[in-house]
PDB file of all heavy atoms in Angstrom:
ATOM      1  N   LEU A   1     -66.772  60.420  -2.598  1.00  0.00           N
ATOM      2  CA  LEU A   1     -67.508  61.194  -1.648  1.00  0.00           C
ATOM      3  C   LEU A   1     -66.799  61.137  -0.392  1.00  0.00           C
ATOM      4  O   LEU A   1     -66.594  62.220   0.365  1.00  0.00           O
ATOM      5  CB  LEU A   1     -68.906  60.710  -1.467  1.00  0.00           C
ATOM      6  CG  LEU A   1     -69.872  61.427  -0.546  1.00  0.00           C
ATOM      7  CD1 LEU A   1     -71.221  61.330  -1.108  1.00  0.00           C
ATOM      8  CD2 LEU A   1     -69.774  60.796   0.844  1.00  0.00           C
ATOM      9  N   PHE A   2     -66.286  60.097   0.028  1.00  0.00           N
ATOM     10  CA  PHE A   2     -65.639  59.976   1.348  1.00  0.00           C
ATOM     11  C   PHE A   2     -64.274  60.794   1.251  1.00  0.00           C
ATOM     12  O   PHE A   2     -63.914  61.471   2.173  1.00  0.00           O
ATOM     13  CB  PHE A   2     -65.294  58.485   1.700  1.00  0.00           C
ATOM     14  CG  PHE A   2     -66.463  57.610   2.139  1.00  0.00           C
ATOM     15  CD1 PHE A   2     -67.335  57.053   1.340  1.00  0.00           C
ATOM     16  CD2 PHE A   2     -66.619  57.532   3.488  1.00  0.00           C
ATOM     17  CE1 PHE A   2     -68.490  56.451   1.867  1.00  0.00           C
ATOM     18  CE2 PHE A   2     -67.636  56.768   4.091  1.00  0.00           C
ATOM     19  CZ  PHE A   2     -68.573  56.191   3.226  1.00  0.00           C
ATOM     20  N   SER A   3     -63.494  60.621   0.240  1.00  0.00           N
ATOM     21  CA  SER A   3     -62.199  61.183   0.129  1.00  0.00           C
ATOM     22  C   SER A   3     -62.275  62.756  -0.004  1.00  0.00           C
ATOM     23  O   SER A   3     -61.457  63.431   0.577  1.00  0.00           O
ATOM     24  CB  SER A   3     -61.409  60.588  -0.925  1.00  0.00           C
ATOM     25  OG  SER A   3     -61.916  60.939  -2.292  1.00  0.00           O
ATOM     26  N   ARG A   4     -63.218  63.271  -0.798  1.00  0.00           N
ATOM     27  CA  ARG A   4     -63.439  64.657  -0.957  1.00  0.00           C
ATOM     28  C   ARG A   4     -63.771  65.289   0.312  1.00  0.00           C
ATOM     29  O   ARG A   4     -63.505  66.565   0.558  1.00  0.00           O
ATOM     30  CB  ARG A   4     -64.487  64.875  -1.965  1.00  0.00           C
ATOM     31  CG  ARG A   4     -64.136  64.763  -3.450  1.00  0.00           C
ATOM     32  CD  ARG A   4     -65.225  65.246  -4.306  1.00  0.00           C
ATOM     33  NE  ARG A   4     -66.506  64.809  -4.247  1.00  0.00           N
ATOM     34  CZ  ARG A   4     -66.989  63.664  -4.604  1.00  0.00           C
ATOM     35  NH1 ARG A   4     -66.140  62.858  -5.293  1.00  0.00           N
ATOM     36  NH2 ARG A   4     -68.207  63.332  -4.405  1.00  0.00           N
ATOM     37  N   ARG A   5     -64.392  64.591   1.217  1.00  0.00           N
ATOM     38  CA  ARG A   5     -64.897  65.277   2.538  1.00  0.00           C
ATOM     39  C   ARG A   5     -63.855  64.905   3.675  1.00  0.00           C
ATOM     40  O   ARG A   5     -64.130  65.160   4.781  1.00  0.00           O
ATOM     41  CB  ARG A   5     -66.275  64.804   2.898  1.00  0.00           C
ATOM     42  CG  ARG A   5     -67.208  65.623   1.986  1.00  0.00           C
ATOM     43  CD  ARG A   5     -68.474  64.848   1.800  1.00  0.00           C
ATOM     44  NE  ARG A   5     -69.463  65.673   0.991  1.00  0.00           N
ATOM     45  CZ  ARG A   5     -69.565  65.562  -0.234  1.00  0.00           C
ATOM     46  NH1 ARG A   5     -68.595  64.860  -0.954  1.00  0.00           N
ATOM     47  NH2 ARG A   5     -70.412  66.353  -1.012  1.00  0.00           N
ATOM     48  N   GLY A   6     -62.810  64.151   3.196  1.00  0.00           N
ATOM     49  CA  GLY A   6     -61.720  63.916   4.303  1.00  0.00           C
ATOM     50  C   GLY A   6     -62.081  62.751   5.217  1.00  0.00           C
ATOM     51  O   GLY A   6     -61.526  62.717   6.395  1.00  0.00           O
ATOM     52  N   TYR A   7     -63.041  61.950   4.928  1.00  0.00           N
ATOM     53  CA  TYR A   7     -63.444  60.852   5.758  1.00  0.00           C
ATOM     54  C   TYR A   7     -62.552  59.625   5.332  1.00  0.00           C
ATOM     55  O   TYR A   7     -62.505  59.284   4.222  1.00  0.00           O
ATOM     56  CB  TYR A   7     -64.967  60.418   5.643  1.00  0.00           C
ATOM     57  CG  TYR A   7     -65.846  61.525   5.814  1.00  0.00           C
ATOM     58  CD1 TYR A   7     -66.883  61.800   5.077  1.00  0.00           C
ATOM     59  CD2 TYR A   7     -65.736  62.356   7.108  1.00  0.00           C
ATOM     60  CE1 TYR A   7     -67.774  62.941   5.279  1.00  0.00           C
ATOM     61  CE2 TYR A   7     -66.567  63.342   7.290  1.00  0.00           C
ATOM     62  CZ  TYR A   7     -67.547  63.630   6.445  1.00  0.00           C
ATOM     63  OH  TYR A   7     -68.510  64.569   6.735  1.00  0.00           O
ATOM     64  N   ASN A   8     -62.038  58.898   6.307  1.00  0.00           N
ATOM     65  CA  ASN A   8     -61.188  57.673   6.132  1.00  0.00           C
ATOM     66  C   ASN A   8     -62.144  56.467   6.150  1.00  0.00           C
ATOM     67  O   ASN A   8     -62.957  56.291   6.977  1.00  0.00           O
ATOM     68  CB  ASN A   8     -60.149  57.673   7.064  1.00  0.00           C
ATOM     69  CG  ASN A   8     -59.175  56.493   6.778  1.00  0.00           C
ATOM     70  OD1 ASN A   8     -58.786  56.412   5.680  1.00  0.00           O
ATOM     71  ND2 ASN A   8     -58.871  55.757   7.742  1.00  0.00           N
ATOM     72  N   ILE A   9     -61.836  55.628   5.254  1.00  0.00           N
ATOM     73  CA  ILE A   9     -62.608  54.269   5.114  1.00  0.00           C
ATOM     74  C   ILE A   9     -61.692  53.260   5.767  1.00  0.00           C
ATOM     75  O   ILE A   9     -60.592  53.163   5.360  1.00  0.00           O
ATOM     76  CB  ILE A   9     -62.987  53.872   3.685  1.00  0.00           C
ATOM     77  CG1 ILE A   9     -63.962  54.833   3.054  1.00  0.00           C
ATOM     78  CG2 ILE A   9     -63.491  52.489   3.631  1.00  0.00           C
ATOM     79  CD1 ILE A   9     -64.201  54.668   1.681  1.00  0.00           C
ATOM     80  N   ASP A  10     -62.153  52.656   6.876  1.00  0.00           N
ATOM     81  CA  ASP A  10     -61.300  51.571   7.461  1.00  0.00           C
ATOM     82  C   ASP A  10     -61.336  50.342   6.642  1.00  0.00           C
ATOM     83  O   ASP A  10     -60.374  49.456   6.603  1.00  0.00           O
ATOM     84  CB  ASP A  10     -61.843  51.262   8.868  1.00  0.00           C
ATOM     85  CG  ASP A  10     -61.703  52.419   9.816  1.00  0.00           C
ATOM     86  OD1 ASP A  10     -60.739  53.231   9.643  1.00  0.00           O
ATOM     87  OD2 ASP A  10     -62.616  52.524  10.804  1.00  0.00           O
ATOM     88  N   SER A  11     -62.513  49.910   6.060  1.00  0.00           N
ATOM     89  CA  SER A  11     -62.598  48.689   5.378  1.00  0.00           C
ATOM     90  C   SER A  11     -63.695  48.820   4.242  1.00  0.00           C
ATOM     91  O   SER A  11     -64.683  49.548   4.593  1.00  0.00           O
ATOM     92  CB  SER A  11     -63.026  47.581   6.348  1.00  0.00           C
ATOM     93  OG  SER A  11     -63.492  46.416   5.775  1.00  0.00           O
ATOM     94  N   LEU A  12     -63.559  48.246   3.222  1.00  0.00           N
ATOM     95  CA  LEU A  12     -64.522  48.446   2.019  1.00  0.00           C
ATOM     96  C   LEU A  12     -64.587  46.967   1.344  1.00  0.00           C
ATOM     97  O   LEU A  12     -63.600  46.334   1.114  1.00  0.00           O
ATOM     98  CB  LEU A  12     -63.943  49.314   1.154  1.00  0.00           C
ATOM     99  CG  LEU A  12     -64.685  49.559  -0.184  1.00  0.00           C
ATOM    100  CD1 LEU A  12     -65.992  50.248  -0.064  1.00  0.00           C
ATOM    101  CD2 LEU A  12     -63.732  50.364  -1.236  1.00  0.00           C
ATOM    102  N   SER A  13     -65.796  46.571   1.120  1.00  0.00           N
ATOM    103  CA  SER A  13     -65.949  45.363   0.308  1.00  0.00           C
ATOM    104  C   SER A  13     -67.300  45.541  -0.574  1.00  0.00           C
ATOM    105  O   SER A  13     -68.226  46.327  -0.174  1.00  0.00           O
ATOM    106  CB  SER A  13     -66.202  44.188   1.172  1.00  0.00           C
ATOM    107  OG  SER A  13     -67.387  44.144   1.957  1.00  0.00           O
ATOM    108  N   VAL A  14     -67.178  44.963  -1.775  1.00  0.00           N
ATOM    109  CA  VAL A  14     -68.231  45.206  -2.719  1.00  0.00           C
ATOM    110  C   VAL A  14     -68.472  43.879  -3.355  1.00  0.00           C
ATOM    111  O   VAL A  14     -67.656  43.076  -3.640  1.00  0.00           O
ATOM    112  CB  VAL A  14     -67.770  46.207  -3.751  1.00  0.00           C
ATOM    113  CG1 VAL A  14     -68.980  46.444  -4.707  1.00  0.00           C
ATOM    114  CG2 VAL A  14     -67.196  47.356  -3.229  1.00  0.00           C
ATOM    115  N   GLY A  15     -69.734  43.602  -3.578  1.00  0.00           N
ATOM    116  CA  GLY A  15     -70.214  42.387  -4.322  1.00  0.00           C
ATOM    117  C   GLY A  15     -71.596  42.463  -4.719  1.00  0.00           C
ATOM    118  O   GLY A  15     -72.373  43.299  -4.400  1.00  0.00           O
ATOM    119  N   ALA A  16     -71.918  41.545  -5.642  1.00  0.00           N
ATOM    120  CA  ALA A  16     -73.308  41.415  -6.091  1.00  0.00           C
ATOM    121  C   ALA A  16     -74.228  41.252  -5.005  1.00  0.00           C
ATOM    122  O   ALA A  16     -73.961  40.549  -3.943  1.00  0.00           O
ATOM    123  CB  ALA A  16     -73.337  40.287  -7.174  1.00  0.00           C
ATOM    124  N   SER A  17     -75.538  41.676  -5.181  1.00  0.00           N
ATOM    125  CA  SER A  17     -76.594  41.442  -4.175  1.00  0.00           C
ATOM    126  C   SER A  17     -77.590  40.327  -4.765  1.00  0.00           C
ATOM    127  O   SER A  17     -77.262  39.793  -5.736  1.00  0.00           O
ATOM    128  CB  SER A  17     -77.325  42.721  -3.887  1.00  0.00           C
ATOM    129  OG  SER A  17     -78.109  43.071  -4.987  1.00  0.00           O
ATOM    130  N   GLU A  18     -78.675  40.114  -3.980  1.00  0.00           N
ATOM    131  CA  GLU A  18     -79.660  39.256  -4.392  1.00  0.00           C
ATOM    132  C   GLU A  18     -80.449  39.702  -5.587  1.00  0.00           C
ATOM    133  O   GLU A  18     -80.899  38.855  -6.353  1.00  0.00           O
ATOM    134  CB  GLU A  18     -80.631  38.999  -3.265  1.00  0.00           C
ATOM    135  CG  GLU A  18     -81.449  40.226  -2.740  1.00  0.00           C
ATOM    136  CD  GLU A  18     -80.696  41.233  -1.934  1.00  0.00           C
ATOM    137  OE1 GLU A  18     -79.535  41.002  -1.584  1.00  0.00           O
ATOM    138  OE2 GLU A  18     -81.251  42.420  -1.642  1.00  0.00           O
ATOM    139  N   ASP A  19     -80.306  40.922  -5.974  1.00  0.00           N
ATOM    140  CA  ASP A  19     -80.905  41.513  -7.199  1.00  0.00           C
ATOM    141  C   ASP A  19     -79.741  41.900  -8.200  1.00  0.00           C
ATOM    142  O   ASP A  19     -79.015  42.825  -7.818  1.00  0.00           O
ATOM    143  CB  ASP A  19     -81.742  42.737  -6.834  1.00  0.00           C
ATOM    144  CG  ASP A  19     -82.515  43.351  -7.937  1.00  0.00           C
ATOM    145  OD1 ASP A  19     -82.133  43.187  -9.144  1.00  0.00           O
ATOM    146  OD2 ASP A  19     -83.592  43.938  -7.764  1.00  0.00           O
ATOM    147  N   ILE A  20     -79.760  41.307  -9.371  1.00  0.00           N
ATOM    148  CA  ILE A  20     -78.645  41.587 -10.335  1.00  0.00           C
ATOM    149  C   ILE A  20     -78.529  43.068 -10.742  1.00  0.00           C
ATOM    150  O   ILE A  20     -77.467  43.442 -11.180  1.00  0.00           O
ATOM    151  CB  ILE A  20     -78.636  40.702 -11.546  1.00  0.00           C
ATOM    152  CG1 ILE A  20     -79.973  41.027 -12.391  1.00  0.00           C
ATOM    153  CG2 ILE A  20     -78.536  39.192 -11.175  1.00  0.00           C
ATOM    154  CD1 ILE A  20     -79.911  40.344 -13.748  1.00  0.00           C
ATOM    155  N   ARG A  21     -79.486  43.891 -10.449  1.00  0.00           N
ATOM    156  CA  ARG A  21     -79.403  45.265 -10.947  1.00  0.00           C
ATOM    157  C   ARG A  21     -78.657  46.104  -9.785  1.00  0.00           C
ATOM    158  O   ARG A  21     -78.189  47.164 -10.000  1.00  0.00           O
ATOM    159  CB  ARG A  21     -80.698  45.888 -10.841  1.00  0.00           C
ATOM    160  CG  ARG A  21     -81.691  45.306 -12.023  1.00  0.00           C
ATOM    161  CD  ARG A  21     -83.063  45.817 -11.867  1.00  0.00           C
ATOM    162  NE  ARG A  21     -83.625  45.411 -10.446  1.00  0.00           N
ATOM    163  CZ  ARG A  21     -84.852  46.058  -9.999  1.00  0.00           C
ATOM    164  NH1 ARG A  21     -85.290  47.013 -10.578  1.00  0.00           N
ATOM    165  NH2 ARG A  21     -85.296  45.556  -8.874  1.00  0.00           N
ATOM    166  N   TYR A  22     -78.383  45.483  -8.585  1.00  0.00           N
ATOM    167  CA  TYR A  22     -77.746  46.226  -7.525  1.00  0.00           C
ATOM    168  C   TYR A  22     -76.420  45.500  -6.904  1.00  0.00           C
ATOM    169  O   TYR A  22     -76.410  44.173  -6.990  1.00  0.00           O
ATOM    170  CB  TYR A  22     -78.669  46.497  -6.380  1.00  0.00           C
ATOM    171  CG  TYR A  22     -79.791  47.238  -6.752  1.00  0.00           C
ATOM    172  CD1 TYR A  22     -80.936  46.664  -6.977  1.00  0.00           C
ATOM    173  CD2 TYR A  22     -79.737  48.636  -6.998  1.00  0.00           C
ATOM    174  CE1 TYR A  22     -82.185  47.393  -7.254  1.00  0.00           C
ATOM    175  CE2 TYR A  22     -80.864  49.351  -7.414  1.00  0.00           C
ATOM    176  CZ  TYR A  22     -82.097  48.635  -7.559  1.00  0.00           C
ATOM    177  OH  TYR A  22     -83.204  49.357  -7.902  1.00  0.00           O
ATOM    178  N   SER A  23     -75.522  46.164  -6.523  1.00  0.00           N
ATOM    179  CA  SER A  23     -74.427  45.714  -5.777  1.00  0.00           C
ATOM    180  C   SER A  23     -74.386  46.219  -4.395  1.00  0.00           C
ATOM    181  O   SER A  23     -74.882  47.331  -4.117  1.00  0.00           O
ATOM    182  CB  SER A  23     -72.971  46.247  -6.418  1.00  0.00           C
ATOM    183  OG  SER A  23     -72.752  45.553  -7.599  1.00  0.00           O
ATOM    184  N   ARG A  24     -73.913  45.510  -3.410  1.00  0.00           N
ATOM    185  CA  ARG A  24     -73.843  45.914  -2.036  1.00  0.00           C
ATOM    186  C   ARG A  24     -72.413  46.335  -1.675  1.00  0.00           C
ATOM    187  O   ARG A  24     -71.435  45.641  -1.848  1.00  0.00           O
ATOM    188  CB  ARG A  24     -74.264  44.917  -1.048  1.00  0.00           C
ATOM    189  CG  ARG A  24     -74.344  45.209   0.332  1.00  0.00           C
ATOM    190  CD  ARG A  24     -74.713  44.061   1.268  1.00  0.00           C
ATOM    191  NE  ARG A  24     -75.839  43.322   0.855  1.00  0.00           N
ATOM    192  CZ  ARG A  24     -77.140  43.670   1.036  1.00  0.00           C
ATOM    193  NH1 ARG A  24     -77.473  44.628   1.676  1.00  0.00           N
ATOM    194  NH2 ARG A  24     -78.140  42.864   0.559  1.00  0.00           N
ATOM    195  N   ILE A  25     -72.235  47.586  -1.193  1.00  0.00           N
ATOM    196  CA  ILE A  25     -70.981  48.059  -0.640  1.00  0.00           C
ATOM    197  C   ILE A  25     -71.084  48.166   0.784  1.00  0.00           C
ATOM    198  O   ILE A  25     -71.968  48.757   1.444  1.00  0.00           O
ATOM    199  CB  ILE A  25     -70.671  49.585  -1.290  1.00  0.00           C
ATOM    200  CG1 ILE A  25     -70.658  49.544  -2.804  1.00  0.00           C
ATOM    201  CG2 ILE A  25     -69.378  50.066  -0.730  1.00  0.00           C
ATOM    202  CD1 ILE A  25     -70.603  50.959  -3.379  1.00  0.00           C
ATOM    203  N   THR A  26     -70.098  47.495   1.449  1.00  0.00           N
ATOM    204  CA  THR A  26     -70.128  47.499   2.922  1.00  0.00           C
ATOM    205  C   THR A  26     -68.842  48.344   3.174  1.00  0.00           C
ATOM    206  O   THR A  26     -67.658  48.032   2.896  1.00  0.00           O
ATOM    207  CB  THR A  26     -69.914  46.179   3.450  1.00  0.00           C
ATOM    208  OG1 THR A  26     -70.961  45.330   3.055  1.00  0.00           O
ATOM    209  CG2 THR A  26     -69.884  46.201   4.967  1.00  0.00           C
ATOM    210  N   VAL A  27     -69.136  49.386   4.051  1.00  0.00           N
ATOM    211  CA  VAL A  27     -68.027  50.375   4.463  1.00  0.00           C
ATOM    212  C   VAL A  27     -67.954  50.445   5.937  1.00  0.00           C
ATOM    213  O   VAL A  27     -69.065  50.611   6.591  1.00  0.00           O
ATOM    214  CB  VAL A  27     -68.289  51.864   3.828  1.00  0.00           C
ATOM    215  CG1 VAL A  27     -67.296  52.719   4.435  1.00  0.00           C
ATOM    216  CG2 VAL A  27     -68.446  51.906   2.361  1.00  0.00           C
ATOM    217  N   SER A  28     -66.730  50.287   6.501  1.00  0.00           N
ATOM    218  CA  SER A  28     -66.552  50.401   7.908  1.00  0.00           C
ATOM    219  C   SER A  28     -65.676  51.811   8.158  1.00  0.00           C
ATOM    220  O   SER A  28     -64.801  51.921   7.405  1.00  0.00           O
ATOM    221  CB  SER A  28     -65.734  49.171   8.440  1.00  0.00           C
ATOM    222  OG  SER A  28     -65.239  49.377   9.792  1.00  0.00           O
ATOM    223  N   LEU A  29     -66.210  52.481   9.010  1.00  0.00           N
ATOM    224  CA  LEU A  29     -65.440  53.813   9.274  1.00  0.00           C
ATOM    225  C   LEU A  29     -65.563  54.153  10.796  1.00  0.00           C
ATOM    226  O   LEU A  29     -66.431  53.630  11.491  1.00  0.00           O
ATOM    227  CB  LEU A  29     -66.001  54.889   8.351  1.00  0.00           C
ATOM    228  CG  LEU A  29     -67.442  55.324   8.659  1.00  0.00           C
ATOM    229  CD1 LEU A  29     -67.547  56.785   8.534  1.00  0.00           C
ATOM    230  CD2 LEU A  29     -68.340  54.683   7.686  1.00  0.00           C
ATOM    231  N   HIS A  30     -64.737  54.996  11.269  1.00  0.00           N
ATOM    232  CA  HIS A  30     -64.725  55.502  12.581  1.00  0.00           C
ATOM    233  C   HIS A  30     -65.253  57.041  12.577  1.00  0.00           C
ATOM    234  O   HIS A  30     -64.745  57.791  11.602  1.00  0.00           O
ATOM    235  CB  HIS A  30     -63.419  55.506  13.257  1.00  0.00           C
ATOM    236  CG  HIS A  30     -63.144  54.131  13.818  1.00  0.00           C
ATOM    237  ND1 HIS A  30     -62.729  53.069  13.046  1.00  0.00           N
ATOM    238  CD2 HIS A  30     -63.365  53.538  15.040  1.00  0.00           C
ATOM    239  CE1 HIS A  30     -62.569  52.028  13.762  1.00  0.00           C
ATOM    240  NE2 HIS A  30     -62.995  52.309  14.959  1.00  0.00           N
ATOM    241  N   GLY A  31     -66.086  57.319  13.478  1.00  0.00           N
ATOM    242  CA  GLY A  31     -66.577  58.739  13.520  1.00  0.00           C
ATOM    243  C   GLY A  31     -67.630  58.815  14.500  1.00  0.00           C
ATOM    244  O   GLY A  31     -68.258  57.840  14.930  1.00  0.00           O
ATOM    245  N   ASP A  32     -68.070  60.119  14.844  1.00  0.00           N
ATOM    246  CA  ASP A  32     -69.104  60.188  15.719  1.00  0.00           C
ATOM    247  C   ASP A  32     -70.485  60.210  14.951  1.00  0.00           C
ATOM    248  O   ASP A  32     -70.486  60.124  13.757  1.00  0.00           O
ATOM    249  CB  ASP A  32     -68.969  61.576  16.485  1.00  0.00           C
ATOM    250  CG  ASP A  32     -68.956  62.748  15.636  1.00  0.00           C
ATOM    251  OD1 ASP A  32     -69.581  62.825  14.606  1.00  0.00           O
ATOM    252  OD2 ASP A  32     -68.331  63.794  16.083  1.00  0.00           O
ATOM    253  N   GLU A  33     -71.538  60.217  15.730  1.00  0.00           N
ATOM    254  CA  GLU A  33     -72.898  60.032  15.072  1.00  0.00           C
ATOM    255  C   GLU A  33     -73.135  61.095  14.146  1.00  0.00           C
ATOM    256  O   GLU A  33     -73.824  60.878  13.104  1.00  0.00           O
ATOM    257  CB  GLU A  33     -73.973  60.047  16.216  1.00  0.00           C
ATOM    258  CG  GLU A  33     -73.829  58.929  17.283  1.00  0.00           C
ATOM    259  CD  GLU A  33     -74.205  57.578  16.561  1.00  0.00           C
ATOM    260  OE1 GLU A  33     -74.935  57.545  15.659  1.00  0.00           O
ATOM    261  OE2 GLU A  33     -73.573  56.542  17.060  1.00  0.00           O
ATOM    262  N   ARG A  34     -72.776  62.338  14.402  1.00  0.00           N
ATOM    263  CA  ARG A  34     -73.089  63.541  13.459  1.00  0.00           C
ATOM    264  C   ARG A  34     -72.324  63.258  12.159  1.00  0.00           C
ATOM    265  O   ARG A  34     -72.900  63.389  11.070  1.00  0.00           O
ATOM    266  CB  ARG A  34     -72.523  64.804  14.204  1.00  0.00           C
ATOM    267  CG  ARG A  34     -72.803  66.032  13.315  1.00  0.00           C
ATOM    268  CD  ARG A  34     -72.201  67.328  13.970  1.00  0.00           C
ATOM    269  NE  ARG A  34     -70.729  67.084  13.836  1.00  0.00           N
ATOM    270  CZ  ARG A  34     -69.970  67.389  12.913  1.00  0.00           C
ATOM    271  NH1 ARG A  34     -70.383  67.577  11.649  1.00  0.00           N
ATOM    272  NH2 ARG A  34     -68.583  67.136  13.010  1.00  0.00           N
ATOM    273  N   VAL A  35     -71.083  62.803  12.162  1.00  0.00           N
ATOM    274  CA  VAL A  35     -70.378  62.633  10.975  1.00  0.00           C
ATOM    275  C   VAL A  35     -70.999  61.444  10.123  1.00  0.00           C
ATOM    276  O   VAL A  35     -71.189  61.569   8.865  1.00  0.00           O
ATOM    277  CB  VAL A  35     -68.873  62.195  11.307  1.00  0.00           C
ATOM    278  CG1 VAL A  35     -68.138  61.677  10.032  1.00  0.00           C
ATOM    279  CG2 VAL A  35     -68.095  63.389  11.775  1.00  0.00           C
ATOM    280  N   VAL A  36     -71.383  60.396  10.788  1.00  0.00           N
ATOM    281  CA  VAL A  36     -72.025  59.227  10.024  1.00  0.00           C
ATOM    282  C   VAL A  36     -73.337  59.650   9.444  1.00  0.00           C
ATOM    283  O   VAL A  36     -73.570  59.291   8.359  1.00  0.00           O
ATOM    284  CB  VAL A  36     -72.140  58.076  11.041  1.00  0.00           C
ATOM    285  CG1 VAL A  36     -72.879  56.968  10.314  1.00  0.00           C
ATOM    286  CG2 VAL A  36     -70.793  57.551  11.386  1.00  0.00           C
ATOM    287  N   GLU A  37     -74.176  60.454  10.287  1.00  0.00           N
ATOM    288  CA  GLU A  37     -75.352  60.822   9.729  1.00  0.00           C
ATOM    289  C   GLU A  37     -75.171  61.782   8.429  1.00  0.00           C
ATOM    290  O   GLU A  37     -75.958  61.678   7.484  1.00  0.00           O
ATOM    291  CB  GLU A  37     -76.148  61.696  10.874  1.00  0.00           C
ATOM    292  CG  GLU A  37     -77.464  62.054  10.427  1.00  0.00           C
ATOM    293  CD  GLU A  37     -78.174  62.832  11.512  1.00  0.00           C
ATOM    294  OE1 GLU A  37     -78.119  62.312  12.713  1.00  0.00           O
ATOM    295  OE2 GLU A  37     -78.962  63.811  11.321  1.00  0.00           O
ATOM    296  N   GLN A  38     -74.136  62.700   8.516  1.00  0.00           N
ATOM    297  CA  GLN A  38     -73.850  63.396   7.370  1.00  0.00           C
ATOM    298  C   GLN A  38     -73.441  62.611   6.081  1.00  0.00           C
ATOM    299  O   GLN A  38     -73.907  62.863   5.072  1.00  0.00           O
ATOM    300  CB  GLN A  38     -72.754  64.493   7.742  1.00  0.00           C
ATOM    301  CG  GLN A  38     -72.396  65.438   6.692  1.00  0.00           C
ATOM    302  CD  GLN A  38     -71.366  66.369   7.082  1.00  0.00           C
ATOM    303  OE1 GLN A  38     -70.658  66.188   8.067  1.00  0.00           O
ATOM    304  NE2 GLN A  38     -71.166  67.409   6.276  1.00  0.00           N
ATOM    305  N   ILE A  39     -72.562  61.582   6.404  1.00  0.00           N
ATOM    306  CA  ILE A  39     -72.170  60.773   5.268  1.00  0.00           C
ATOM    307  C   ILE A  39     -73.448  60.091   4.627  1.00  0.00           C
ATOM    308  O   ILE A  39     -73.499  59.958   3.443  1.00  0.00           O
ATOM    309  CB  ILE A  39     -71.115  59.711   5.737  1.00  0.00           C
ATOM    310  CG1 ILE A  39     -69.867  60.351   6.046  1.00  0.00           C
ATOM    311  CG2 ILE A  39     -70.953  58.696   4.818  1.00  0.00           C
ATOM    312  CD1 ILE A  39     -68.913  59.451   6.885  1.00  0.00           C
ATOM    313  N   GLN A  40     -74.265  59.525   5.624  1.00  0.00           N
ATOM    314  CA  GLN A  40     -75.432  58.876   5.031  1.00  0.00           C
ATOM    315  C   GLN A  40     -76.323  59.686   4.119  1.00  0.00           C
ATOM    316  O   GLN A  40     -76.785  59.375   3.104  1.00  0.00           O
ATOM    317  CB  GLN A  40     -76.263  58.290   6.225  1.00  0.00           C
ATOM    318  CG  GLN A  40     -75.755  57.130   6.879  1.00  0.00           C
ATOM    319  CD  GLN A  40     -76.549  56.632   7.982  1.00  0.00           C
ATOM    320  OE1 GLN A  40     -76.475  57.071   9.034  1.00  0.00           O
ATOM    321  NE2 GLN A  40     -77.325  55.461   7.716  1.00  0.00           N
ATOM    322  N   LYS A  41     -76.547  60.878   4.651  1.00  0.00           N
ATOM    323  CA  LYS A  41     -77.353  61.879   3.778  1.00  0.00           C
ATOM    324  C   LYS A  41     -76.629  62.301   2.533  1.00  0.00           C
ATOM    325  O   LYS A  41     -77.408  62.308   1.491  1.00  0.00           O
ATOM    326  CB  LYS A  41     -77.500  63.242   4.562  1.00  0.00           C
ATOM    327  CG  LYS A  41     -78.576  63.112   5.638  1.00  0.00           C
ATOM    328  CD  LYS A  41     -78.670  64.317   6.547  1.00  0.00           C
ATOM    329  CE  LYS A  41     -79.723  64.166   7.699  1.00  0.00           C
ATOM    330  NZ  LYS A  41     -79.797  65.411   8.507  1.00  0.00           N
ATOM    331  N   GLN A  42     -75.281  62.401   2.522  1.00  0.00           N
ATOM    332  CA  GLN A  42     -74.658  62.730   1.190  1.00  0.00           C
ATOM    333  C   GLN A  42     -74.632  61.552   0.322  1.00  0.00           C
ATOM    334  O   GLN A  42     -74.733  61.689  -0.874  1.00  0.00           O
ATOM    335  CB  GLN A  42     -73.141  63.212   1.654  1.00  0.00           C
ATOM    336  CG  GLN A  42     -73.078  64.479   2.194  1.00  0.00           C
ATOM    337  CD  GLN A  42     -71.748  64.845   2.880  1.00  0.00           C
ATOM    338  OE1 GLN A  42     -70.873  64.004   2.932  1.00  0.00           O
ATOM    339  NE2 GLN A  42     -71.635  66.003   3.244  1.00  0.00           N
ATOM    340  N   LEU A  43     -74.494  60.332   0.795  1.00  0.00           N
ATOM    341  CA  LEU A  43     -74.586  59.097   0.000  1.00  0.00           C
ATOM    342  C   LEU A  43     -75.934  59.030  -0.691  1.00  0.00           C
ATOM    343  O   LEU A  43     -76.052  58.701  -1.863  1.00  0.00           O
ATOM    344  CB  LEU A  43     -74.306  57.879   0.744  1.00  0.00           C
ATOM    345  CG  LEU A  43     -72.771  57.689   1.175  1.00  0.00           C
ATOM    346  CD1 LEU A  43     -72.690  56.522   2.241  1.00  0.00           C
ATOM    347  CD2 LEU A  43     -72.036  57.227  -0.096  1.00  0.00           C
ATOM    348  N   ALA A  44     -76.974  59.270   0.060  1.00  0.00           N
ATOM    349  CA  ALA A  44     -78.293  59.062  -0.306  1.00  0.00           C
ATOM    350  C   ALA A  44     -78.685  60.059  -1.551  1.00  0.00           C
ATOM    351  O   ALA A  44     -79.531  59.876  -2.386  1.00  0.00           O
ATOM    352  CB  ALA A  44     -79.331  59.414   0.768  1.00  0.00           C
TER     353      ALA A  44
END
C-alpha cells in the first residue's frame, strides 16, 4: 500500500502482539498531516 502510493517508509518493525491472532507493525514515516490521514484511511 505504501509503495503503490509512493510513500516512503523510514522504519519498519513487526512482531507478535499480546494476542496471538494479531501482529503489531510499527511504521515510521515523514509527511504532512493530510498524507498520514490518507494512509491511515487506506490501511483501515
